[in-house]
Structure formats: C-alpha cells, structure tokens
Amino acid sequence: AIAAAMELVAQTHALIVDLRRNRGGSPNGVIFWTSYLFPDDQTLL
C-alpha cells in the first residue's frame, strides 16, 4: 500500500505529508515510508 501511494505522487513537484491525525505505528513502517526520500541505503535514520 505504501509503494502504491508513492507511485501515485511520484511525478509531482513537491509533496505534502499530513500527520496531524497520526497516532503512531511500526518503526519499520516509518523506515519504509521515509526511505523513499533518500537516495540509497547510506542514511542511518
């Protein structure tokens, strides 16, 4: 689902991520989401 969402915004010029009603979840899910914003596997998050 995360990959599908990122595919739908992949060609945009800027991205707004709305977390105002986000109550949390899985650390590995956070890493999966935010990895899309970094070029490779060289960033310790």
PDB file of all heavy atoms in Angstrom:
ATOM      1  N   ALA A   1       0.830  -1.202   0.000  1.00  0.00           N
ATOM      2  CA  ALA A   1       0.000   0.000   0.000  1.00  0.00           C
ATOM      3  C   ALA A   1       0.865   1.253   0.000  1.00  0.00           C
ATOM      4  O   ALA A   1       0.564   2.239  -0.687  1.00  0.00           O
ATOM      5  CB  ALA A   1      -0.929  -0.012   1.213  1.00  0.00           C
ATOM      6  N   ILE A   2       1.944   1.236   0.766  1.00  0.00           N
ATOM      7  CA  ILE A   2       2.863   2.379   0.796  1.00  0.00           C
ATOM      8  C   ILE A   2       3.467   2.603  -0.590  1.00  0.00           C
ATOM      9  O   ILE A   2       3.522   3.742  -1.090  1.00  0.00           O
ATOM     10  CB  ILE A   2       3.968   2.151   1.845  1.00  0.00           C
ATOM     11  CG1 ILE A   2       3.369   2.143   3.249  1.00  0.00           C
ATOM     12  CG2 ILE A   2       5.056   3.212   1.729  1.00  0.00           C
ATOM     13  CD1 ILE A   2       4.347   1.701   4.333  1.00  0.00           C
ATOM     14  N   ALA A   3       3.929   1.524  -1.225  1.00  0.00           N
ATOM     15  CA  ALA A   3       4.519   1.641  -2.555  1.00  0.00           C
ATOM     16  C   ALA A   3       3.507   2.184  -3.559  1.00  0.00           C
ATOM     17  O   ALA A   3       3.841   3.014  -4.413  1.00  0.00           O
ATOM     18  CB  ALA A   3       5.048   0.284  -3.008  1.00  0.00           C
ATOM     19  N   ALA A   4       2.250   1.727  -3.455  1.00  0.00           N
ATOM     20  CA  ALA A   4       1.212   2.210  -4.369  1.00  0.00           C
ATOM     21  C   ALA A   4       0.957   3.701  -4.172  1.00  0.00           C
ATOM     22  O   ALA A   4       0.792   4.454  -5.142  1.00  0.00           O
ATOM     23  CB  ALA A   4      -0.075   1.416  -4.149  1.00  0.00           C
ATOM     24  N   ALA A   5       0.919   4.135  -2.910  1.00  0.00           N
ATOM     25  CA  ALA A   5       0.710   5.560  -2.642  1.00  0.00           C
ATOM     26  C   ALA A   5       1.853   6.399  -3.200  1.00  0.00           C
ATOM     27  O   ALA A   5       1.625   7.456  -3.807  1.00  0.00           O
ATOM     28  CB  ALA A   5       0.565   5.777  -1.138  1.00  0.00           C
ATOM     29  N   MET A   6       3.079   5.941  -3.001  1.00  0.00           N
ATOM     30  CA  MET A   6       4.231   6.697  -3.504  1.00  0.00           C
ATOM     31  C   MET A   6       4.269   6.718  -5.031  1.00  0.00           C
ATOM     32  O   MET A   6       4.722   7.693  -5.641  1.00  0.00           O
ATOM     33  CB  MET A   6       5.518   6.123  -2.945  1.00  0.00           C
ATOM     34  CG  MET A   6       5.720   6.385  -1.457  1.00  0.00           C
ATOM     35  SD  MET A   6       5.629   8.152  -0.998  1.00  0.00           S
ATOM     36  CE  MET A   6       7.020   8.824  -1.932  1.00  0.00           C
ATOM     37  N   GLU A   7       3.780   5.667  -5.660  1.00  0.00           N
ATOM     38  CA  GLU A   7       3.704   5.660  -7.125  1.00  0.00           C
ATOM     39  C   GLU A   7       2.773   6.756  -7.630  1.00  0.00           C
ATOM     40  O   GLU A   7       3.033   7.407  -8.647  1.00  0.00           O
ATOM     41  CB  GLU A   7       3.224   4.294  -7.609  1.00  0.00           C
ATOM     42  CG  GLU A   7       3.154   4.144  -9.113  1.00  0.00           C
ATOM     43  CD  GLU A   7       4.517   4.154  -9.787  1.00  0.00           C
ATOM     44  OE1 GLU A   7       5.517   3.829  -9.107  1.00  0.00           O
ATOM     45  OE2 GLU A   7       4.583   4.490 -10.995  1.00  0.00           O
ATOM     46  N   LEU A   8       1.684   6.991  -6.890  1.00  0.00           N
ATOM     47  CA  LEU A   8       0.700   7.983  -7.327  1.00  0.00           C
ATOM     48  C   LEU A   8       1.189   9.423  -7.174  1.00  0.00           C
ATOM     49  O   LEU A   8       0.643  10.318  -7.815  1.00  0.00           O
ATOM     50  CB  LEU A   8      -0.605   7.784  -6.553  1.00  0.00           C
ATOM     51  CG  LEU A   8      -1.365   6.492  -6.861  1.00  0.00           C
ATOM     52  CD1 LEU A   8      -2.575   6.347  -5.958  1.00  0.00           C
ATOM     53  CD2 LEU A   8      -1.797   6.453  -8.325  1.00  0.00           C
ATOM     54  N   VAL A   9       2.182   9.651  -6.332  1.00  0.00           N
ATOM     55  CA  VAL A   9       2.710  11.019  -6.177  1.00  0.00           C
ATOM     56  C   VAL A   9       4.115  11.159  -6.765  1.00  0.00           C
ATOM     57  O   VAL A   9       4.743  12.209  -6.634  1.00  0.00           O
ATOM     58  CB  VAL A   9       2.726  11.442  -4.690  1.00  0.00           C
ATOM     59  CG1 VAL A   9       1.316  11.428  -4.109  1.00  0.00           C
ATOM     60  CG2 VAL A   9       3.656  10.566  -3.863  1.00  0.00           C
ATOM     61  N   ALA A  10       4.598  10.118  -7.429  1.00  0.00           N
ATOM     62  CA  ALA A  10       5.998  10.082  -7.861  1.00  0.00           C
ATOM     63  C   ALA A  10       6.368  11.195  -8.829  1.00  0.00           C
ATOM     64  O   ALA A  10       7.525  11.628  -8.872  1.00  0.00           O
ATOM     65  CB  ALA A  10       6.313   8.720  -8.495  1.00  0.00           C
ATOM     66  N   GLN A  11       5.421  11.692  -9.615  1.00  0.00           N
ATOM     67  CA  GLN A  11       5.739  12.684 -10.644  1.00  0.00           C
ATOM     68  C   GLN A  11       5.407  14.116 -10.219  1.00  0.00           C
ATOM     69  O   GLN A  11       5.447  15.036 -11.043  1.00  0.00           O
ATOM     70  CB  GLN A  11       4.992  12.339 -11.943  1.00  0.00           C
ATOM     71  CG  GLN A  11       5.243  10.928 -12.442  1.00  0.00           C
ATOM     72  CD  GLN A  11       6.721  10.595 -12.571  1.00  0.00           C
ATOM     73  OE1 GLN A  11       7.515  11.406 -13.084  1.00  0.00           O
ATOM     74  NE2 GLN A  11       7.107   9.412 -12.104  1.00  0.00           N
ATOM     75  N   THR A  12       5.098  14.315  -8.956  1.00  0.00           N
ATOM     76  CA  THR A  12       4.747  15.660  -8.504  1.00  0.00           C
ATOM     77  C   THR A  12       5.996  16.495  -8.232  1.00  0.00           C
ATOM     78  O   THR A  12       7.101  15.980  -8.101  1.00  0.00           O
ATOM     79  CB  THR A  12       3.869  15.594  -7.242  1.00  0.00           C
ATOM     80  OG1 THR A  12       4.569  14.871  -6.224  1.00  0.00           O
ATOM     81  CG2 THR A  12       2.545  14.902  -7.543  1.00  0.00           C
ATOM     82  N   HIS A  13       5.804  17.801  -8.133  1.00  0.00           N
ATOM     83  CA  HIS A  13       6.914  18.728  -7.930  1.00  0.00           C
ATOM     84  C   HIS A  13       7.230  18.989  -6.460  1.00  0.00           C
ATOM     85  O   HIS A  13       8.301  19.503  -6.137  1.00  0.00           O
ATOM     86  CB  HIS A  13       6.613  20.063  -8.620  1.00  0.00           C
ATOM     87  CG  HIS A  13       6.704  19.994 -10.106  1.00  0.00           C
ATOM     88  ND1 HIS A  13       5.710  19.463 -10.874  1.00  0.00           N
ATOM     89  CD2 HIS A  13       7.692  20.377 -10.961  1.00  0.00           C
ATOM     90  CE1 HIS A  13       6.054  19.530 -12.149  1.00  0.00           C
ATOM     91  NE2 HIS A  13       7.251  20.066 -12.225  1.00  0.00           N
ATOM     92  N   ALA A  14       6.309  18.688  -5.589  1.00  0.00           N
ATOM     93  CA  ALA A  14       6.519  18.817  -4.141  1.00  0.00           C
ATOM     94  C   ALA A  14       5.516  17.901  -3.463  1.00  0.00           C
ATOM     95  O   ALA A  14       4.497  17.525  -4.054  1.00  0.00           O
ATOM     96  CB  ALA A  14       6.336  20.264  -3.681  1.00  0.00           C
ATOM     97  N   LEU A  15       5.812  17.540  -2.209  1.00  0.00           N
ATOM     98  CA  LEU A  15       4.988  16.560  -1.511  1.00  0.00           C
ATOM     99  C   LEU A  15       4.601  17.076  -0.133  1.00  0.00           C
ATOM    100  O   LEU A  15       5.456  17.523   0.634  1.00  0.00           O
ATOM    101  CB  LEU A  15       5.753  15.239  -1.369  1.00  0.00           C
ATOM    102  CG  LEU A  15       5.046  14.096  -0.632  1.00  0.00           C
ATOM    103  CD1 LEU A  15       3.781  13.677  -1.373  1.00  0.00           C
ATOM    104  CD2 LEU A  15       6.001  12.910  -0.476  1.00  0.00           C
ATOM    105  N   ILE A  16       3.304  16.999   0.161  1.00  0.00           N
ATOM    106  CA  ILE A  16       2.790  17.322   1.485  1.00  0.00           C
ATOM    107  C   ILE A  16       2.391  16.011   2.161  1.00  0.00           C
ATOM    108  O   ILE A  16       1.606  15.238   1.618  1.00  0.00           O
ATOM    109  CB  ILE A  16       1.572  18.258   1.406  1.00  0.00           C
ATOM    110  CG1 ILE A  16       1.972  19.598   0.767  1.00  0.00           C
ATOM    111  CG2 ILE A  16       0.985  18.488   2.793  1.00  0.00           C
ATOM    112  CD1 ILE A  16       0.783  20.504   0.452  1.00  0.00           C
ATOM    113  N   VAL A  17       2.945  15.759   3.359  1.00  0.00           N
ATOM    114  CA  VAL A  17       2.598  14.573   4.138  1.00  0.00           C
ATOM    115  C   VAL A  17       1.879  15.043   5.391  1.00  0.00           C
ATOM    116  O   VAL A  17       2.465  15.715   6.240  1.00  0.00           O
ATOM    117  CB  VAL A  17       3.850  13.750   4.510  1.00  0.00           C
ATOM    118  CG1 VAL A  17       3.435  12.485   5.261  1.00  0.00           C
ATOM    119  CG2 VAL A  17       4.664  13.398   3.277  1.00  0.00           C
ATOM    120  N   ASP A  18       0.621  14.695   5.495  1.00  0.00           N
ATOM    121  CA  ASP A  18      -0.225  15.168   6.597  1.00  0.00           C
ATOM    122  C   ASP A  18      -0.227  14.138   7.724  1.00  0.00           C
ATOM    123  O   ASP A  18      -0.814  13.061   7.605  1.00  0.00           O
ATOM    124  CB  ASP A  18      -1.643  15.394   6.083  1.00  0.00           C
ATOM    125  CG  ASP A  18      -2.503  16.174   7.058  1.00  0.00           C
ATOM    126  OD1 ASP A  18      -2.145  16.247   8.247  1.00  0.00           O
ATOM    127  OD2 ASP A  18      -3.551  16.705   6.626  1.00  0.00           O
ATOM    128  N   LEU A  19       0.428  14.473   8.833  1.00  0.00           N
ATOM    129  CA  LEU A  19       0.488  13.601  10.002  1.00  0.00           C
ATOM    130  C   LEU A  19      -0.259  14.187  11.195  1.00  0.00           C
ATOM    131  O   LEU A  19      -0.054  13.767  12.327  1.00  0.00           O
ATOM    132  CB  LEU A  19       1.952  13.348  10.387  1.00  0.00           C
ATOM    133  CG  LEU A  19       2.838  12.683   9.330  1.00  0.00           C
ATOM    134  CD1 LEU A  19       4.257  12.525   9.858  1.00  0.00           C
ATOM    135  CD2 LEU A  19       2.279  11.343   8.912  1.00  0.00           C
ATOM    136  N   ARG A  20      -1.139  15.131  10.945  1.00  0.00           N
ATOM    137  CA  ARG A  20      -1.808  15.819  12.045  1.00  0.00           C
ATOM    138  C   ARG A  20      -2.706  14.890  12.859  1.00  0.00           C
ATOM    139  O   ARG A  20      -2.940  15.138  14.037  1.00  0.00           O
ATOM    140  CB  ARG A  20      -2.635  16.992  11.511  1.00  0.00           C
ATOM    141  CG  ARG A  20      -1.790  18.156  11.018  1.00  0.00           C
ATOM    142  CD  ARG A  20      -2.634  19.246  10.408  1.00  0.00           C
ATOM    143  NE  ARG A  20      -3.288  18.793   9.179  1.00  0.00           N
ATOM    144  CZ  ARG A  20      -4.143  19.537   8.476  1.00  0.00           C
ATOM    145  NH1 ARG A  20      -4.452  20.759   8.900  1.00  0.00           N
ATOM    146  NH2 ARG A  20      -4.680  19.052   7.356  1.00  0.00           N
ATOM    147  N   ARG A  21      -3.184  13.803  12.254  1.00  0.00           N
ATOM    148  CA  ARG A  21      -4.039  12.852  12.972  1.00  0.00           C
ATOM    149  C   ARG A  21      -3.367  11.486  13.066  1.00  0.00           C
ATOM    150  O   ARG A  21      -4.046  10.475  13.262  1.00  0.00           O
ATOM    151  CB  ARG A  21      -5.401  12.753  12.284  1.00  0.00           C
ATOM    152  CG  ARG A  21      -6.298  13.946  12.566  1.00  0.00           C
ATOM    153  CD  ARG A  21      -7.520  13.971  11.694  1.00  0.00           C
ATOM    154  NE  ARG A  21      -7.177  14.467  10.355  1.00  0.00           N
ATOM    155  CZ  ARG A  21      -8.085  14.782   9.432  1.00  0.00           C
ATOM    156  NH1 ARG A  21      -9.373  14.628   9.696  1.00  0.00           N
ATOM    157  NH2 ARG A  21      -7.711  15.228   8.262  1.00  0.00           N
ATOM    158  N   ASN A  22      -2.061  11.462  12.966  1.00  0.00           N
ATOM    159  CA  ASN A  22      -1.339  10.190  13.019  1.00  0.00           C
ATOM    160  C   ASN A  22      -0.975   9.858  14.460  1.00  0.00           C
ATOM    161  O   ASN A  22      -0.266  10.617  15.120  1.00  0.00           O
ATOM    162  CB  ASN A  22      -0.081  10.271  12.152  1.00  0.00           C
ATOM    163  CG  ASN A  22       0.546   8.917  11.934  1.00  0.00           C
ATOM    164  OD1 ASN A  22       1.070   8.300  12.856  1.00  0.00           O
ATOM    165  ND2 ASN A  22       0.520   8.462  10.692  1.00  0.00           N
ATOM    166  N   ARG A  23      -1.408   8.674  14.917  1.00  0.00           N
ATOM    167  CA  ARG A  23      -1.185   8.288  16.309  1.00  0.00           C
ATOM    168  C   ARG A  23      -0.083   7.245  16.467  1.00  0.00           C
ATOM    169  O   ARG A  23       0.106   6.693  17.537  1.00  0.00           O
ATOM    170  CB  ARG A  23      -2.484   7.752  16.914  1.00  0.00           C
ATOM    171  CG  ARG A  23      -3.631   8.772  16.895  1.00  0.00           C
ATOM    172  CD  ARG A  23      -3.279  10.045  17.635  1.00  0.00           C
ATOM    173  NE  ARG A  23      -2.929   9.783  19.002  1.00  0.00           N
ATOM    174  CZ  ARG A  23      -3.810   9.700  19.996  1.00  0.00           C
ATOM    175  NH1 ARG A  23      -5.099   9.869  19.753  1.00  0.00           N
ATOM    176  NH2 ARG A  23      -3.415   9.461  21.220  1.00  0.00           N
ATOM    177  N   GLY A  24       0.655   6.947  15.390  1.00  0.00           N
ATOM    178  CA  GLY A  24       1.812   6.083  15.549  1.00  0.00           C
ATOM    179  C   GLY A  24       1.712   4.789  14.774  1.00  0.00           C
ATOM    180  O   GLY A  24       0.884   4.628  13.881  1.00  0.00           O
ATOM    181  N   GLY A  25       2.592   3.851  15.145  1.00  0.00           N
ATOM    182  CA  GLY A  25       2.631   2.566  14.461  1.00  0.00           C
ATOM    183  C   GLY A  25       4.001   1.921  14.543  1.00  0.00           C
ATOM    184  O   GLY A  25       4.701   2.054  15.549  1.00  0.00           O
ATOM    185  N   SER A  26       4.395   1.284  13.466  1.00  0.00           N
ATOM    186  CA  SER A  26       5.577   0.427  13.453  1.00  0.00           C
ATOM    187  C   SER A  26       6.845   1.178  13.054  1.00  0.00           C
ATOM    188  O   SER A  26       6.848   1.894  12.051  1.00  0.00           O
ATOM    189  CB  SER A  26       5.361  -0.722  12.473  1.00  0.00           C
ATOM    190  OG  SER A  26       6.541  -1.447  12.266  1.00  0.00           O
ATOM    191  N   PRO A  27       7.948   0.987  13.793  1.00  0.00           N
ATOM    192  CA  PRO A  27       9.221   1.607  13.387  1.00  0.00           C
ATOM    193  C   PRO A  27       9.675   1.189  11.991  1.00  0.00           C
ATOM    194  O   PRO A  27      10.177   2.026  11.228  1.00  0.00           O
ATOM    195  CB  PRO A  27      10.207   1.126  14.458  1.00  0.00           C
ATOM    196  CG  PRO A  27       9.363   0.868  15.659  1.00  0.00           C
ATOM    197  CD  PRO A  27       8.067   0.337  15.116  1.00  0.00           C
ATOM    198  N   ASN A  28       9.485  -0.090  11.626  1.00  0.00           N
ATOM    199  CA  ASN A  28       9.937  -0.475  10.291  1.00  0.00           C
ATOM    200  C   ASN A  28       9.047   0.113   9.204  1.00  0.00           C
ATOM    201  O   ASN A  28       9.487   0.316   8.067  1.00  0.00           O
ATOM    202  CB  ASN A  28      10.074  -2.003  10.169  1.00  0.00           C
ATOM    203  CG  ASN A  28       8.776  -2.767  10.255  1.00  0.00           C
ATOM    204  OD1 ASN A  28       7.747  -2.352   9.733  1.00  0.00           O
ATOM    205  ND2 ASN A  28       8.817  -3.907  10.921  1.00  0.00           N
ATOM    206  N   GLY A  29       7.792   0.435   9.544  1.00  0.00           N
ATOM    207  CA  GLY A  29       6.944   1.147   8.602  1.00  0.00           C
ATOM    208  C   GLY A  29       7.411   2.570   8.376  1.00  0.00           C
ATOM    209  O   GLY A  29       7.371   3.094   7.255  1.00  0.00           O
ATOM    210  N   VAL A  30       7.854   3.230   9.458  1.00  0.00           N
ATOM    211  CA  VAL A  30       8.424   4.574   9.323  1.00  0.00           C
ATOM    212  C   VAL A  30       9.629   4.541   8.381  1.00  0.00           C
ATOM    213  O   VAL A  30       9.768   5.398   7.491  1.00  0.00           O
ATOM    214  CB  VAL A  30       8.841   5.137  10.693  1.00  0.00           C
ATOM    215  CG1 VAL A  30       9.567   6.476  10.528  1.00  0.00           C
ATOM    216  CG2 VAL A  30       7.634   5.310  11.600  1.00  0.00           C
ATOM    217  N   ILE A  31      10.492   3.562   8.557  1.00  0.00           N
ATOM    218  CA  ILE A  31      11.686   3.458   7.720  1.00  0.00           C
ATOM    219  C   ILE A  31      11.309   3.202   6.267  1.00  0.00           C
ATOM    220  O   ILE A  31      11.904   3.776   5.346  1.00  0.00           O
ATOM    221  CB  ILE A  31      12.622   2.355   8.250  1.00  0.00           C
ATOM    222  CG1 ILE A  31      13.077   2.692   9.678  1.00  0.00           C
ATOM    223  CG2 ILE A  31      13.832   2.169   7.338  1.00  0.00           C
ATOM    224  CD1 ILE A  31      13.724   4.055   9.843  1.00  0.00           C
ATOM    225  N   PHE A  32      10.301   2.355   6.049  1.00  0.00           N
ATOM    226  CA  PHE A  32       9.868   2.085   4.675  1.00  0.00           C
ATOM    227  C   PHE A  32       9.363   3.356   4.006  1.00  0.00           C
ATOM    228  O   PHE A  32       9.767   3.690   2.883  1.00  0.00           O
ATOM    229  CB  PHE A  32       8.782   1.001   4.680  1.00  0.00           C
ATOM    230  CG  PHE A  32       8.541   0.383   3.336  1.00  0.00           C
ATOM    231  CD1 PHE A  32       9.162  -0.798   2.992  1.00  0.00           C
ATOM    232  CD2 PHE A  32       7.680   0.972   2.416  1.00  0.00           C
ATOM    233  CE1 PHE A  32       8.939  -1.382   1.740  1.00  0.00           C
ATOM    234  CE2 PHE A  32       7.441   0.415   1.179  1.00  0.00           C
ATOM    235  CZ  PHE A  32       8.080  -0.776   0.835  1.00  0.00           C
ATOM    236  N   TRP A  33       8.486   4.079   4.690  1.00  0.00           N
ATOM    237  CA  TRP A  33       7.976   5.340   4.141  1.00  0.00           C
ATOM    238  C   TRP A  33       9.114   6.313   3.840  1.00  0.00           C
ATOM    239  O   TRP A  33       9.223   6.840   2.728  1.00  0.00           O
ATOM    240  CB  TRP A  33       7.024   6.005   5.136  1.00  0.00           C
ATOM    241  CG  TRP A  33       5.579   5.668   5.025  1.00  0.00           C
ATOM    242  CD1 TRP A  33       4.822   5.040   5.974  1.00  0.00           C
ATOM    243  CD2 TRP A  33       4.683   5.972   3.957  1.00  0.00           C
ATOM    244  NE1 TRP A  33       3.516   4.930   5.545  1.00  0.00           N
ATOM    245  CE2 TRP A  33       3.393   5.493   4.318  1.00  0.00           C
ATOM    246  CE3 TRP A  33       4.846   6.609   2.723  1.00  0.00           C
ATOM    247  CZ2 TRP A  33       2.284   5.631   3.494  1.00  0.00           C
ATOM    248  CZ3 TRP A  33       3.733   6.746   1.893  1.00  0.00           C
ATOM    249  CH2 TRP A  33       2.480   6.263   2.271  1.00  0.00           C
ATOM    250  N   THR A  34       9.949   6.571   4.829  1.00  0.00           N
ATOM    251  CA  THR A  34      10.935   7.648   4.685  1.00  0.00           C
ATOM    252  C   THR A  34      12.099   7.258   3.791  1.00  0.00           C
ATOM    253  O   THR A  34      12.797   8.144   3.273  1.00  0.00           O
ATOM    254  CB  THR A  34      11.442   8.112   6.064  1.00  0.00           C
ATOM    255  OG1 THR A  34      11.939   6.989   6.806  1.00  0.00           O
ATOM    256  CG2 THR A  34      10.317   8.771   6.853  1.00  0.00           C
ATOM    257  N   SER A  35      12.320   5.974   3.555  1.00  0.00           N
ATOM    258  CA  SER A  35      13.389   5.564   2.634  1.00  0.00           C
ATOM    259  C   SER A  35      13.145   6.090   1.224  1.00  0.00           C
ATOM    260  O   SER A  35      14.094   6.285   0.453  1.00  0.00           O
ATOM    261  CB  SER A  35      13.522   4.035   2.604  1.00  0.00           C
ATOM    262  OG  SER A  35      14.095   3.559   3.799  1.00  0.00           O
ATOM    263  N   TYR A  36      11.887   6.331   0.869  1.00  0.00           N
ATOM    264  CA  TYR A  36      11.595   6.881  -0.446  1.00  0.00           C
ATOM    265  C   TYR A  36      12.179   8.281  -0.625  1.00  0.00           C
ATOM    266  O   TYR A  36      12.320   8.765  -1.756  1.00  0.00           O
ATOM    267  CB  TYR A  36      10.081   6.929  -0.682  1.00  0.00           C
ATOM    268  CG  TYR A  36       9.503   5.615  -1.163  1.00  0.00           C
ATOM    269  CD1 TYR A  36       8.966   4.704  -0.264  1.00  0.00           C
ATOM    270  CD2 TYR A  36       9.516   5.282  -2.509  1.00  0.00           C
ATOM    271  CE1 TYR A  36       8.446   3.490  -0.698  1.00  0.00           C
ATOM    272  CE2 TYR A  36       8.995   4.071  -2.955  1.00  0.00           C
ATOM    273  CZ  TYR A  36       8.472   3.174  -2.050  1.00  0.00           C
ATOM    274  OH  TYR A  36       7.976   1.976  -2.487  1.00  0.00           O
ATOM    275  N   LEU A  37      12.524   8.922   0.472  1.00  0.00           N
ATOM    276  CA  LEU A  37      13.002  10.310   0.413  1.00  0.00           C
ATOM    277  C   LEU A  37      14.524  10.404   0.434  1.00  0.00           C
ATOM    278  O   LEU A  37      15.071  11.509   0.446  1.00  0.00           O
ATOM    279  CB  LEU A  37      12.411  11.099   1.570  1.00  0.00           C
ATOM    280  CG  LEU A  37      10.881  10.983   1.730  1.00  0.00           C
ATOM    281  CD1 LEU A  37      10.414  11.797   2.919  1.00  0.00           C
ATOM    282  CD2 LEU A  37      10.162  11.424   0.458  1.00  0.00           C
ATOM    283  N   PHE A  38      15.215   9.260   0.426  1.00  0.00           N
ATOM    284  CA  PHE A  38      16.680   9.229   0.447  1.00  0.00           C
ATOM    285  C   PHE A  38      17.187   8.373  -0.716  1.00  0.00           C
ATOM    286  O   PHE A  38      16.510   7.446  -1.159  1.00  0.00           O
ATOM    287  CB  PHE A  38      17.169   8.677   1.789  1.00  0.00           C
ATOM    288  CG  PHE A  38      16.826   9.563   2.958  1.00  0.00           C
ATOM    289  CD1 PHE A  38      15.628   9.380   3.661  1.00  0.00           C
ATOM    290  CD2 PHE A  38      17.666  10.594   3.327  1.00  0.00           C
ATOM    291  CE1 PHE A  38      15.294  10.203   4.719  1.00  0.00           C
ATOM    292  CE2 PHE A  38      17.337  11.427   4.394  1.00  0.00           C
ATOM    293  CZ  PHE A  38      16.151  11.245   5.083  1.00  0.00           C
ATOM    294  N   PRO A  39      18.378   8.664  -1.231  1.00  0.00           N
ATOM    295  CA  PRO A  39      18.810   8.054  -2.494  1.00  0.00           C
ATOM    296  C   PRO A  39      19.258   6.612  -2.430  1.00  0.00           C
ATOM    297  O   PRO A  39      19.290   5.925  -3.445  1.00  0.00           O
ATOM    298  CB  PRO A  39      19.972   8.954  -2.929  1.00  0.00           C
ATOM    299  CG  PRO A  39      20.511   9.517  -1.648  1.00  0.00           C
ATOM    300  CD  PRO A  39      19.311   9.716  -0.771  1.00  0.00           C
ATOM    301  N   ASP A  40      19.649   6.132  -1.243  1.00  0.00           N
ATOM    302  CA  ASP A  40      20.244   4.802  -1.162  1.00  0.00           C
ATOM    303  C   ASP A  40      20.139   4.284   0.270  1.00  0.00           C
ATOM    304  O   ASP A  40      19.330   4.782   1.056  1.00  0.00           O
ATOM    305  CB  ASP A  40      21.709   4.842  -1.630  1.00  0.00           C
ATOM    306  CG  ASP A  40      22.502   5.968  -0.969  1.00  0.00           C
ATOM    307  OD1 ASP A  40      22.261   6.221   0.241  1.00  0.00           O
ATOM    308  OD2 ASP A  40      23.347   6.590  -1.620  1.00  0.00           O
ATOM    309  N   ASP A  41      20.979   3.297   0.588  1.00  0.00           N
ATOM    310  CA  ASP A  41      20.925   2.692   1.927  1.00  0.00           C
ATOM    311  C   ASP A  41      22.006   3.230   2.860  1.00  0.00           C
ATOM    312  O   ASP A  41      22.389   2.570   3.815  1.00  0.00           O
ATOM    313  CB  ASP A  41      21.056   1.171   1.819  1.00  0.00           C
ATOM    314  CG  ASP A  41      22.376   0.740   1.176  1.00  0.00           C
ATOM    315  OD1 ASP A  41      23.132   1.613   0.688  1.00  0.00           O
ATOM    316  OD2 ASP A  41      22.650  -0.476   1.159  1.00  0.00           O
ATOM    317  N   GLN A  42      22.442   4.450   2.625  1.00  0.00           N
ATOM    318  CA  GLN A  42      23.568   5.007   3.378  1.00  0.00           C
ATOM    319  C   GLN A  42      23.167   5.996   4.460  1.00  0.00           C
ATOM    320  O   GLN A  42      24.024   6.699   5.010  1.00  0.00           O
ATOM    321  CB  GLN A  42      24.545   5.680   2.412  1.00  0.00           C
ATOM    322  CG  GLN A  42      25.159   4.733   1.399  1.00  0.00           C
ATOM    323  CD  GLN A  42      25.929   3.610   2.069  1.00  0.00           C
ATOM    324  OE1 GLN A  42      26.850   3.854   2.842  1.00  0.00           O
ATOM    325  NE2 GLN A  42      25.543   2.371   1.787  1.00  0.00           N
ATOM    326  N   THR A  43      21.871   6.070   4.795  1.00  0.00           N
ATOM    327  CA  THR A  43      21.411   7.023   5.812  1.00  0.00           C
ATOM    328  C   THR A  43      20.884   6.277   7.031  1.00  0.00           C
ATOM    329  O   THR A  43      19.886   5.543   6.945  1.00  0.00           O
ATOM    330  CB  THR A  43      20.313   7.938   5.254  1.00  0.00           C
ATOM    331  OG1 THR A  43      20.790   8.599   4.079  1.00  0.00           O
ATOM    332  CG2 THR A  43      19.930   8.987   6.295  1.00  0.00           C
ATOM    333  N   LEU A  44      21.562   6.454   8.159  1.00  0.00           N
ATOM    334  CA  LEU A  44      21.082   5.908   9.429  1.00  0.00           C
ATOM    335  C   LEU A  44      19.996   6.838   9.952  1.00  0.00           C
ATOM    336  O   LEU A  44      20.269   7.996  10.289  1.00  0.00           O
ATOM    337  CB  LEU A  44      22.228   5.791  10.428  1.00  0.00           C
ATOM    338  CG  LEU A  44      21.875   5.273  11.831  1.00  0.00           C
ATOM    339  CD1 LEU A  44      21.200   3.908  11.772  1.00  0.00           C
ATOM    340  CD2 LEU A  44      23.125   5.233  12.707  1.00  0.00           C
ATOM    341  N   LEU A  45      18.766   6.345  10.020  1.00  0.00           N
ATOM    342  CA  LEU A  45      17.627   7.191  10.352  1.00  0.00           C
ATOM    343  C   LEU A  45      17.284   7.174  11.839  1.00  0.00           C
ATOM    344  O   LEU A  45      16.861   8.187  12.398  1.00  0.00           O
ATOM    345  CB  LEU A  45      16.405   6.748   9.537  1.00  0.00           C
ATOM    346  CG  LEU A  45      16.533   6.987   8.032  1.00  0.00           C
ATOM    347  CD1 LEU A  45      15.404   6.288   7.287  1.00  0.00           C
ATOM    348  CD2 LEU A  45      16.544   8.477   7.721  1.00  0.00           C
TER     349      LEU A  45
END
